[in-house]
Structures are given as C-alpha cells and as structure tokens.
C-alpha cells in the first residue's frame, strides 16, 4: 500500500521502489506534496530495496549519467546529482530527508489534555487547513496555540502528519507528541495509514516520531525552487 501510494505521487510504478537497483524516471508530477509541498525539479526515495529518482523531463539525462554506477541513495550519489544539476537548475535548495510510516498496531498514544481543532478558530489553523485540506490540532494555553500539527490529505489510503511546530518557550514538554497523537487518531479513524517526513538532521522531529511508534520507510533526496 505504501509503495503504491508513493509511486502514484512520483509518477512511477510500485515495482520501481523495490527493483533492487537505482532507477530514474522523468515525470510531469513536479508538485510532490509528500516532500516540501512545492515544485521539486528532482526528488528521490530509497526504500532499502530500490531507489527511484523522479525528475523533471529535461533533467533526466543529466541525473541518469550522474547515478550510472550507483545502487542506492548514499552521500556519493547525492553529491553527484547535486553537481550534475548545478548548471541546469538555479536558486534551489537541496535537502536530505527521512520518510516514516505508522499503523494502529505500532501507535503509542501520547495525548495530553488541552488539544483542540484550530482549523476554523485561529489564523495558523485556517492557513494550514487551506494548504493541506485536513484539520489542524493544537495545544492551547490561555487560549493561544503553543504547539500544532496538520493532517495532509494527500492520498486515498495514506495521509501525512506535517507542519509540526512548538513555540520556543514550550519545547521539551511533550506538546508535539500530544498534538500529533490526536492527528494520528483522526487519520486512523478515517481508515488510513499515517506517514511523516522530516529532514534527516532534524533530531527533534525524528525523536517525536519514534516516540509515537513511527518506523522508517525510505530515505529522501531532492531540491526545491527558492
């Protein structure tokens, strides 16, 4: 199910993600919302059983040449792709990410009292609901949100948790785990699997995800237009 979901967003087949090799596909699906939610000239996923680069059609040859001797999404591969596309795309930022998944069997509920749906009651909630389509849950203190998470309605069988943020003065108190727990319950009640994407060096985000039971699905590499 996860492979089919991500393949539909990347413009490839589910088999490409488990091919045992590194493949490059040119796809017009450039607004890959599982990542940064903005135009991505190139984006890759490595499931551990196959690696897929989904790239803008005019970049396919350059990326294919760069990864010709590669088998997975290691540091050398990422550097080669970034170097190869330096003359093709300008004003972009590269990122290395981790994509995780969770079902009800592995979910660890960390909900605390004080979490509400702010999709219609606060500016932050309204804005995120407009972008991602799902509800936004927040922990309120004195009526103001101090930590929140949005549900991204990005597939028929899999929804993402994203835009998780806690204000600086309230970090380290498990508020993020609490609001994400409520978001996850909403996803599971709708009969979906949950996914979570974050930068590979975002230790706090990974710590929160793993505390809730998330497991790694794939490594990511890509760039977005500034």
C-alpha atoms as a PDB file:
ATOM      1  CA  UNK A   1       0.000   0.000   0.000  1.00  0.00           C
ATOM      2  CA  UNK A   2       2.798   2.425   0.883  1.00  0.00           C
ATOM      3  CA  UNK A   3       4.677   1.679  -2.333  1.00  0.00           C
ATOM      4  CA  UNK A   4       1.564   2.194  -4.452  1.00  0.00           C
ATOM      5  CA  UNK A   5       0.810   5.464  -2.685  1.00  0.00           C
ATOM      6  CA  UNK A   6       4.268   6.941  -3.164  1.00  0.00           C
ATOM      7  CA  UNK A   7       4.600   5.637  -6.713  1.00  0.00           C
ATOM      8  CA  UNK A   8       1.397   7.450  -7.698  1.00  0.00           C
ATOM      9  CA  UNK A   9       2.848  10.719  -6.389  1.00  0.00           C
ATOM     10  CA  UNK A  10       6.238  10.214  -8.040  1.00  0.00           C
ATOM     11  CA  UNK A  11       4.947   9.163 -11.454  1.00  0.00           C
ATOM     12  CA  UNK A  12       6.489   5.678 -11.377  1.00  0.00           C
ATOM     13  CA  UNK A  13       5.371   2.116 -10.674  1.00  0.00           C
ATOM     14  CA  UNK A  14       5.364   0.471  -7.242  1.00  0.00           C
ATOM     15  CA  UNK A  15       7.867  -2.058  -8.613  1.00  0.00           C
ATOM     16  CA  UNK A  16      10.352   0.777  -9.219  1.00  0.00           C
ATOM     17  CA  UNK A  17      10.614   1.280  -5.459  1.00  0.00           C
ATOM     18  CA  UNK A  18      11.561  -2.383  -4.869  1.00  0.00           C
ATOM     19  CA  UNK A  19      13.587  -3.080  -8.005  1.00  0.00           C
ATOM     20  CA  UNK A  20      16.888  -3.776  -6.253  1.00  0.00           C
ATOM     21  CA  UNK A  21      18.521  -1.053  -8.336  1.00  0.00           C
ATOM     22  CA  UNK A  22      18.579   2.697  -8.843  1.00  0.00           C
ATOM     23  CA  UNK A  23      16.162   3.931 -11.499  1.00  0.00           C
ATOM     24  CA  UNK A  24      15.477   7.372 -12.951  1.00  0.00           C
ATOM     25  CA  UNK A  25      12.081   8.329 -14.337  1.00  0.00           C
ATOM     26  CA  UNK A  26      11.023  11.567 -15.956  1.00  0.00           C
ATOM     27  CA  UNK A  27       7.684  12.665 -14.630  1.00  0.00           C
ATOM     28  CA  UNK A  28       5.496  15.753 -15.030  1.00  0.00           C
ATOM     29  CA  UNK A  29       4.357  15.314 -11.392  1.00  0.00           C
ATOM     30  CA  UNK A  30       6.573  18.049 -10.017  1.00  0.00           C
ATOM     31  CA  UNK A  31       4.444  19.287  -7.106  1.00  0.00           C
ATOM     32  CA  UNK A  32       5.389  16.320  -4.920  1.00  0.00           C
ATOM     33  CA  UNK A  33       3.360  17.123  -1.832  1.00  0.00           C
ATOM     34  CA  UNK A  34       4.848  14.343   0.303  1.00  0.00           C
ATOM     35  CA  UNK A  35       8.017  16.430   0.485  1.00  0.00           C
ATOM     36  CA  UNK A  36       8.117  20.227   0.648  1.00  0.00           C
ATOM     37  CA  UNK A  37       4.738  20.830  -0.963  1.00  0.00           C
ATOM     38  CA  UNK A  38       6.278  22.988  -3.695  1.00  0.00           C
ATOM     39  CA  UNK A  39       7.804  22.467  -7.158  1.00  0.00           C
ATOM     40  CA  UNK A  40      10.615  19.885  -6.990  1.00  0.00           C
ATOM     41  CA  UNK A  41      12.857  19.592 -10.065  1.00  0.00           C
ATOM     42  CA  UNK A  42      14.284  16.327  -8.678  1.00  0.00           C
ATOM     43  CA  UNK A  43      13.226  14.032  -5.855  1.00  0.00           C
ATOM     44  CA  UNK A  44      14.444  10.573  -4.827  1.00  0.00           C
ATOM     45  CA  UNK A  45      13.307   7.832  -2.468  1.00  0.00           C
ATOM     46  CA  UNK A  46      15.416   4.889  -1.281  1.00  0.00           C
ATOM     47  CA  UNK A  47      13.336   2.160   0.403  1.00  0.00           C
ATOM     48  CA  UNK A  48      16.349  -0.063   1.083  1.00  0.00           C
ATOM     49  CA  UNK A  49      15.144  -2.408  -1.662  1.00  0.00           C
ATOM     50  CA  UNK A  50      15.354   0.049  -4.528  1.00  0.00           C
ATOM     51  CA  UNK A  51      15.970   3.716  -5.280  1.00  0.00           C
ATOM     52  CA  UNK A  52      13.903   5.936  -7.539  1.00  0.00           C
ATOM     53  CA  UNK A  53      14.760   9.417  -8.825  1.00  0.00           C
ATOM     54  CA  UNK A  54      11.704  11.237 -10.156  1.00  0.00           C
ATOM     55  CA  UNK A  55      12.944  14.217 -12.163  1.00  0.00           C
ATOM     56  CA  UNK A  56      11.729  16.962 -14.430  1.00  0.00           C
ATOM     57  CA  UNK A  57      11.823  15.613 -18.014  1.00  0.00           C
ATOM     58  CA  UNK A  58      14.632  17.930 -19.172  1.00  0.00           C
ATOM     59  CA  UNK A  59      16.849  16.767 -16.281  1.00  0.00           C
ATOM     60  CA  UNK A  60      16.503  13.028 -16.874  1.00  0.00           C
ATOM     61  CA  UNK A  61      19.651  12.568 -18.951  1.00  0.00           C
ATOM     62  CA  UNK A  62      21.868  14.535 -16.553  1.00  0.00           C
ATOM     63  CA  UNK A  63      20.628  12.619 -13.500  1.00  0.00           C
ATOM     64  CA  UNK A  64      20.887   9.264 -15.284  1.00  0.00           C
ATOM     65  CA  UNK A  65      24.523   9.977 -16.140  1.00  0.00           C
ATOM     66  CA  UNK A  66      25.270  11.065 -12.564  1.00  0.00           C
ATOM     67  CA  UNK A  67      23.901   7.867 -10.963  1.00  0.00           C
ATOM     68  CA  UNK A  68      25.022   5.373 -13.589  1.00  0.00           C
ATOM     69  CA  UNK A  69      27.323   3.490 -11.193  1.00  0.00           C
ATOM     70  CA  UNK A  70      25.172   3.958  -8.067  1.00  0.00           C
ATOM     71  CA  UNK A  71      22.916   1.448  -6.369  1.00  0.00           C
ATOM     72  CA  UNK A  72      21.424   3.457  -3.516  1.00  0.00           C
ATOM     73  CA  UNK A  73      20.953   6.911  -2.050  1.00  0.00           C
ATOM     74  CA  UNK A  74      24.289   7.319  -0.305  1.00  0.00           C
ATOM     75  CA  UNK A  75      26.295  10.500   0.174  1.00  0.00           C
ATOM     76  CA  UNK A  76      28.285   9.980  -3.029  1.00  0.00           C
ATOM     77  CA  UNK A  77      25.119   9.576  -5.087  1.00  0.00           C
ATOM     78  CA  UNK A  78      23.549  12.706  -3.625  1.00  0.00           C
ATOM     79  CA  UNK A  79      26.677  14.766  -4.280  1.00  0.00           C
ATOM     80  CA  UNK A  80      26.926  13.551  -7.867  1.00  0.00           C
ATOM     81  CA  UNK A  81      23.326  14.506  -8.598  1.00  0.00           C
ATOM     82  CA  UNK A  82      23.689  17.921  -6.993  1.00  0.00           C
ATOM     83  CA  UNK A  83      26.851  18.582  -9.014  1.00  0.00           C
ATOM     84  CA  UNK A  84      25.294  17.333 -12.246  1.00  0.00           C
ATOM     85  CA  UNK A  85      22.272  19.634 -11.898  1.00  0.00           C
ATOM     86  CA  UNK A  86      24.204  22.727 -10.794  1.00  0.00           C
ATOM     87  CA  UNK A  87      24.194  24.031 -14.371  1.00  0.00           C
ATOM     88  CA  UNK A  88      20.586  23.040 -15.052  1.00  0.00           C
ATOM     89  CA  UNK A  89      18.650  24.439 -12.121  1.00  0.00           C
ATOM     90  CA  UNK A  90      19.346  27.689 -10.294  1.00  0.00           C
ATOM     91  CA  UNK A  91      18.175  29.131  -6.981  1.00  0.00           C
ATOM     92  CA  UNK A  92      17.263  25.785  -5.449  1.00  0.00           C
ATOM     93  CA  UNK A  93      17.874  24.295  -2.030  1.00  0.00           C
ATOM     94  CA  UNK A  94      18.793  20.637  -1.635  1.00  0.00           C
ATOM     95  CA  UNK A  95      17.525  18.531   1.239  1.00  0.00           C
ATOM     96  CA  UNK A  96      18.105  15.050   2.663  1.00  0.00           C
ATOM     97  CA  UNK A  97      15.094  13.561   4.359  1.00  0.00           C
ATOM     98  CA  UNK A  98      13.586  10.552   6.086  1.00  0.00           C
ATOM     99  CA  UNK A  99      10.074   9.248   5.466  1.00  0.00           C
ATOM    100  CA  UNK A 100       8.386   7.194   8.185  1.00  0.00           C
ATOM    101  CA  UNK A 101       5.093   5.348   8.494  1.00  0.00           C
ATOM    102  CA  UNK A 102       2.758   4.188  11.244  1.00  0.00           C
ATOM    103  CA  UNK A 103      -0.313   1.985  11.668  1.00  0.00           C
ATOM    104  CA  UNK A 104      -2.609   1.379  14.622  1.00  0.00           C
ATOM    105  CA  UNK A 105      -0.666  -1.705  15.710  1.00  0.00           C
ATOM    106  CA  UNK A 106       2.513   0.273  16.413  1.00  0.00           C
ATOM    107  CA  UNK A 107       0.924   3.544  17.572  1.00  0.00           C
ATOM    108  CA  UNK A 108       1.962   4.810  21.029  1.00  0.00           C
ATOM    109  CA  UNK A 109      -0.646   7.299  22.254  1.00  0.00           C
ATOM    110  CA  UNK A 110       0.948  10.335  23.947  1.00  0.00           C
ATOM    111  CA  UNK A 111      -2.117  12.607  24.068  1.00  0.00           C
ATOM    112  CA  UNK A 112      -2.411  15.124  26.896  1.00  0.00           C
ATOM    113  CA  UNK A 113      -5.373  17.274  27.854  1.00  0.00           C
ATOM    114  CA  UNK A 114      -5.704  20.629  26.115  1.00  0.00           C
ATOM    115  CA  UNK A 115      -5.588  19.636  22.426  1.00  0.00           C
ATOM    116  CA  UNK A 116      -8.294  21.073  20.159  1.00  0.00           C
ATOM    117  CA  UNK A 117      -9.027  21.514  16.460  1.00  0.00           C
ATOM    118  CA  UNK A 118      -7.993  25.060  15.452  1.00  0.00           C
ATOM    119  CA  UNK A 119      -8.835  24.724  11.750  1.00  0.00           C
ATOM    120  CA  UNK A 120     -11.516  27.398  11.952  1.00  0.00           C
ATOM    121  CA  UNK A 121     -10.666  29.303  15.130  1.00  0.00           C
ATOM    122  CA  UNK A 122      -7.082  30.516  14.673  1.00  0.00           C
ATOM    123  CA  UNK A 123      -5.137  32.041  11.782  1.00  0.00           C
ATOM    124  CA  UNK A 124      -2.476  29.306  11.867  1.00  0.00           C
ATOM    125  CA  UNK A 125      -5.093  26.589  11.660  1.00  0.00           C
ATOM    126  CA  UNK A 126      -7.037  28.288   8.877  1.00  0.00           C
ATOM    127  CA  UNK A 127      -3.913  28.763   6.780  1.00  0.00           C
ATOM    128  CA  UNK A 128      -2.680  25.181   7.141  1.00  0.00           C
ATOM    129  CA  UNK A 129      -6.168  23.798   6.511  1.00  0.00           C
ATOM    130  CA  UNK A 130      -6.324  25.829   3.298  1.00  0.00           C
ATOM    131  CA  UNK A 131      -2.986  24.415   2.116  1.00  0.00           C
ATOM    132  CA  UNK A 132      -3.303  20.767   3.156  1.00  0.00           C
ATOM    133  CA  UNK A 133      -7.049  20.151   3.380  1.00  0.00           C
ATOM    134  CA  UNK A 134      -7.110  18.390   6.736  1.00  0.00           C
ATOM    135  CA  UNK A 135      -7.744  19.513  10.308  1.00  0.00           C
ATOM    136  CA  UNK A 136      -5.089  21.231  12.409  1.00  0.00           C
ATOM    137  CA  UNK A 137      -4.768  20.218  16.046  1.00  0.00           C
ATOM    138  CA  UNK A 138      -3.107  22.391  18.681  1.00  0.00           C
ATOM    139  CA  UNK A 139      -2.383  22.529  22.375  1.00  0.00           C
ATOM    140  CA  UNK A 140      -3.801  25.759  23.794  1.00  0.00           C
ATOM    141  CA  UNK A 141      -2.504  27.716  26.758  1.00  0.00           C
ATOM    142  CA  UNK A 142      -4.577  30.732  27.772  1.00  0.00           C
ATOM    143  CA  UNK A 143      -6.498  30.329  24.526  1.00  0.00           C
ATOM    144  CA  UNK A 144      -3.423  30.558  22.286  1.00  0.00           C
ATOM    145  CA  UNK A 145      -1.850  27.644  20.332  1.00  0.00           C
ATOM    146  CA  UNK A 146       1.667  26.774  21.518  1.00  0.00           C
ATOM    147  CA  UNK A 147       2.108  23.534  19.571  1.00  0.00           C
ATOM    148  CA  UNK A 148       0.298  22.239  16.486  1.00  0.00           C
ATOM    149  CA  UNK A 149       0.211  19.591  13.737  1.00  0.00           C
ATOM    150  CA  UNK A 150      -1.707  19.394  10.465  1.00  0.00           C
ATOM    151  CA  UNK A 151      -3.214  16.416   8.676  1.00  0.00           C
ATOM    152  CA  UNK A 152      -2.263  16.414   4.986  1.00  0.00           C
ATOM    153  CA  UNK A 153      -4.920  14.784   2.820  1.00  0.00           C
ATOM    154  CA  UNK A 154      -2.595  13.583   0.077  1.00  0.00           C
ATOM    155  CA  UNK A 155      -3.868  10.128  -0.889  1.00  0.00           C
ATOM    156  CA  UNK A 156      -6.752   7.699  -0.886  1.00  0.00           C
ATOM    157  CA  UNK A 157      -5.124   5.295   1.587  1.00  0.00           C
ATOM    158  CA  UNK A 158      -2.282   7.249   3.216  1.00  0.00           C
ATOM    159  CA  UNK A 159      -2.348  10.662   4.910  1.00  0.00           C
ATOM    160  CA  UNK A 160       0.595  12.633   6.238  1.00  0.00           C
ATOM    161  CA  UNK A 161       1.156  14.382   9.538  1.00  0.00           C
ATOM    162  CA  UNK A 162       3.052  17.596   8.908  1.00  0.00           C
ATOM    163  CA  UNK A 163       3.737  21.198   9.851  1.00  0.00           C
ATOM    164  CA  UNK A 164       4.520  20.085  13.404  1.00  0.00           C
ATOM    165  CA  UNK A 165       5.760  23.047  15.404  1.00  0.00           C
ATOM    166  CA  UNK A 166       6.100  24.070  19.038  1.00  0.00           C
ATOM    167  CA  UNK A 167       6.845  27.619  20.107  1.00  0.00           C
ATOM    168  CA  UNK A 168      10.355  28.025  21.608  1.00  0.00           C
ATOM    169  CA  UNK A 169       9.227  28.697  25.166  1.00  0.00           C
ATOM    170  CA  UNK A 170       7.151  25.497  25.296  1.00  0.00           C
ATOM    171  CA  UNK A 171       9.515  22.903  23.854  1.00  0.00           C
ATOM    172  CA  UNK A 172      10.646  19.847  25.799  1.00  0.00           C
ATOM    173  CA  UNK A 173       7.243  19.359  27.438  1.00  0.00           C
ATOM    174  CA  UNK A 174       5.857  16.679  25.058  1.00  0.00           C
ATOM    175  CA  UNK A 175       3.295  19.021  23.496  1.00  0.00           C
ATOM    176  CA  UNK A 176       4.310  17.946  19.987  1.00  0.00           C
ATOM    177  CA  UNK A 177       3.768  14.274  20.830  1.00  0.00           C
ATOM    178  CA  UNK A 178       0.350  15.153  22.197  1.00  0.00           C
ATOM    179  CA  UNK A 179      -0.930  17.123  19.193  1.00  0.00           C
ATOM    180  CA  UNK A 180       0.464  14.556  16.759  1.00  0.00           C
ATOM    181  CA  UNK A 181      -1.271  11.793  18.733  1.00  0.00           C
ATOM    182  CA  UNK A 182      -4.621  13.495  18.130  1.00  0.00           C
ATOM    183  CA  UNK A 183      -3.809  13.971  14.452  1.00  0.00           C
ATOM    184  CA  UNK A 184      -2.924  10.290  14.178  1.00  0.00           C
ATOM    185  CA  UNK A 185      -6.189   9.217  15.770  1.00  0.00           C
ATOM    186  CA  UNK A 186      -8.024  11.296  13.173  1.00  0.00           C
ATOM    187  CA  UNK A 187      -6.063   9.550  10.404  1.00  0.00           C
ATOM    188  CA  UNK A 188      -6.648   6.071  11.822  1.00  0.00           C
ATOM    189  CA  UNK A 189     -10.355   6.730  12.427  1.00  0.00           C
ATOM    190  CA  UNK A 190     -10.589   7.544   8.711  1.00  0.00           C
ATOM    191  CA  UNK A 191      -9.084   4.154   7.878  1.00  0.00           C
ATOM    192  CA  UNK A 192      -5.767   5.484   6.580  1.00  0.00           C
ATOM    193  CA  UNK A 193      -2.130   4.725   7.273  1.00  0.00           C
ATOM    194  CA  UNK A 194      -0.026   7.622   8.543  1.00  0.00           C
ATOM    195  CA  UNK A 195       3.248   8.965   7.160  1.00  0.00           C
ATOM    196  CA  UNK A 196       5.712  11.541   8.450  1.00  0.00           C
ATOM    197  CA  UNK A 197       8.517  13.235   6.541  1.00  0.00           C
ATOM    198  CA  UNK A 198      11.344  15.267   8.024  1.00  0.00           C
ATOM    199  CA  UNK A 199      14.866  16.438   7.261  1.00  0.00           C
ATOM    200  CA  UNK A 200      17.439  13.774   8.091  1.00  0.00           C
ATOM    201  CA  UNK A 201      19.247  16.088  10.519  1.00  0.00           C
ATOM    202  CA  UNK A 202      16.111  17.160  12.409  1.00  0.00           C
ATOM    203  CA  UNK A 203      16.782  15.211  15.586  1.00  0.00           C
ATOM    204  CA  UNK A 204      13.810  16.663  17.489  1.00  0.00           C
ATOM    205  CA  UNK A 205      11.341  15.714  14.756  1.00  0.00           C
ATOM    206  CA  UNK A 206      12.733  12.178  14.485  1.00  0.00           C
ATOM    207  CA  UNK A 207      12.662  11.803  18.260  1.00  0.00           C
ATOM    208  CA  UNK A 208       8.989  12.782  18.354  1.00  0.00           C
ATOM    209  CA  UNK A 209       8.084  10.449  15.502  1.00  0.00           C
ATOM    210  CA  UNK A 210       9.841   7.462  17.017  1.00  0.00           C
ATOM    211  CA  UNK A 211       8.299   8.113  20.441  1.00  0.00           C
ATOM    212  CA  UNK A 212       4.904   7.653  18.781  1.00  0.00           C
ATOM    213  CA  UNK A 213       5.933   4.392  17.103  1.00  0.00           C
ATOM    214  CA  UNK A 214       6.818   5.545  13.587  1.00  0.00           C
ATOM    215  CA  UNK A 215       9.104   3.287  11.549  1.00  0.00           C
ATOM    216  CA  UNK A 216      11.353   4.223   8.649  1.00  0.00           C
ATOM    217  CA  UNK A 217      10.015   3.723   5.154  1.00  0.00           C
ATOM    218  CA  UNK A 218      12.603   5.476   2.969  1.00  0.00           C
ATOM    219  CA  UNK A 219      15.412   7.987   2.700  1.00  0.00           C
ATOM    220  CA  UNK A 220      14.803  11.068   0.529  1.00  0.00           C
ATOM    221  CA  UNK A 221      16.892  13.478  -1.530  1.00  0.00           C
ATOM    222  CA  UNK A 222      15.680  16.384  -3.580  1.00  0.00           C
ATOM    223  CA  UNK A 223      15.651  20.088  -4.269  1.00  0.00           C
ATOM    224  CA  UNK A 224      13.003  22.774  -4.277  1.00  0.00           C
ATOM    225  CA  UNK A 225      12.866  26.122  -6.009  1.00  0.00           C
ATOM    226  CA  UNK A 226      13.554  29.085  -3.756  1.00  0.00           C
END
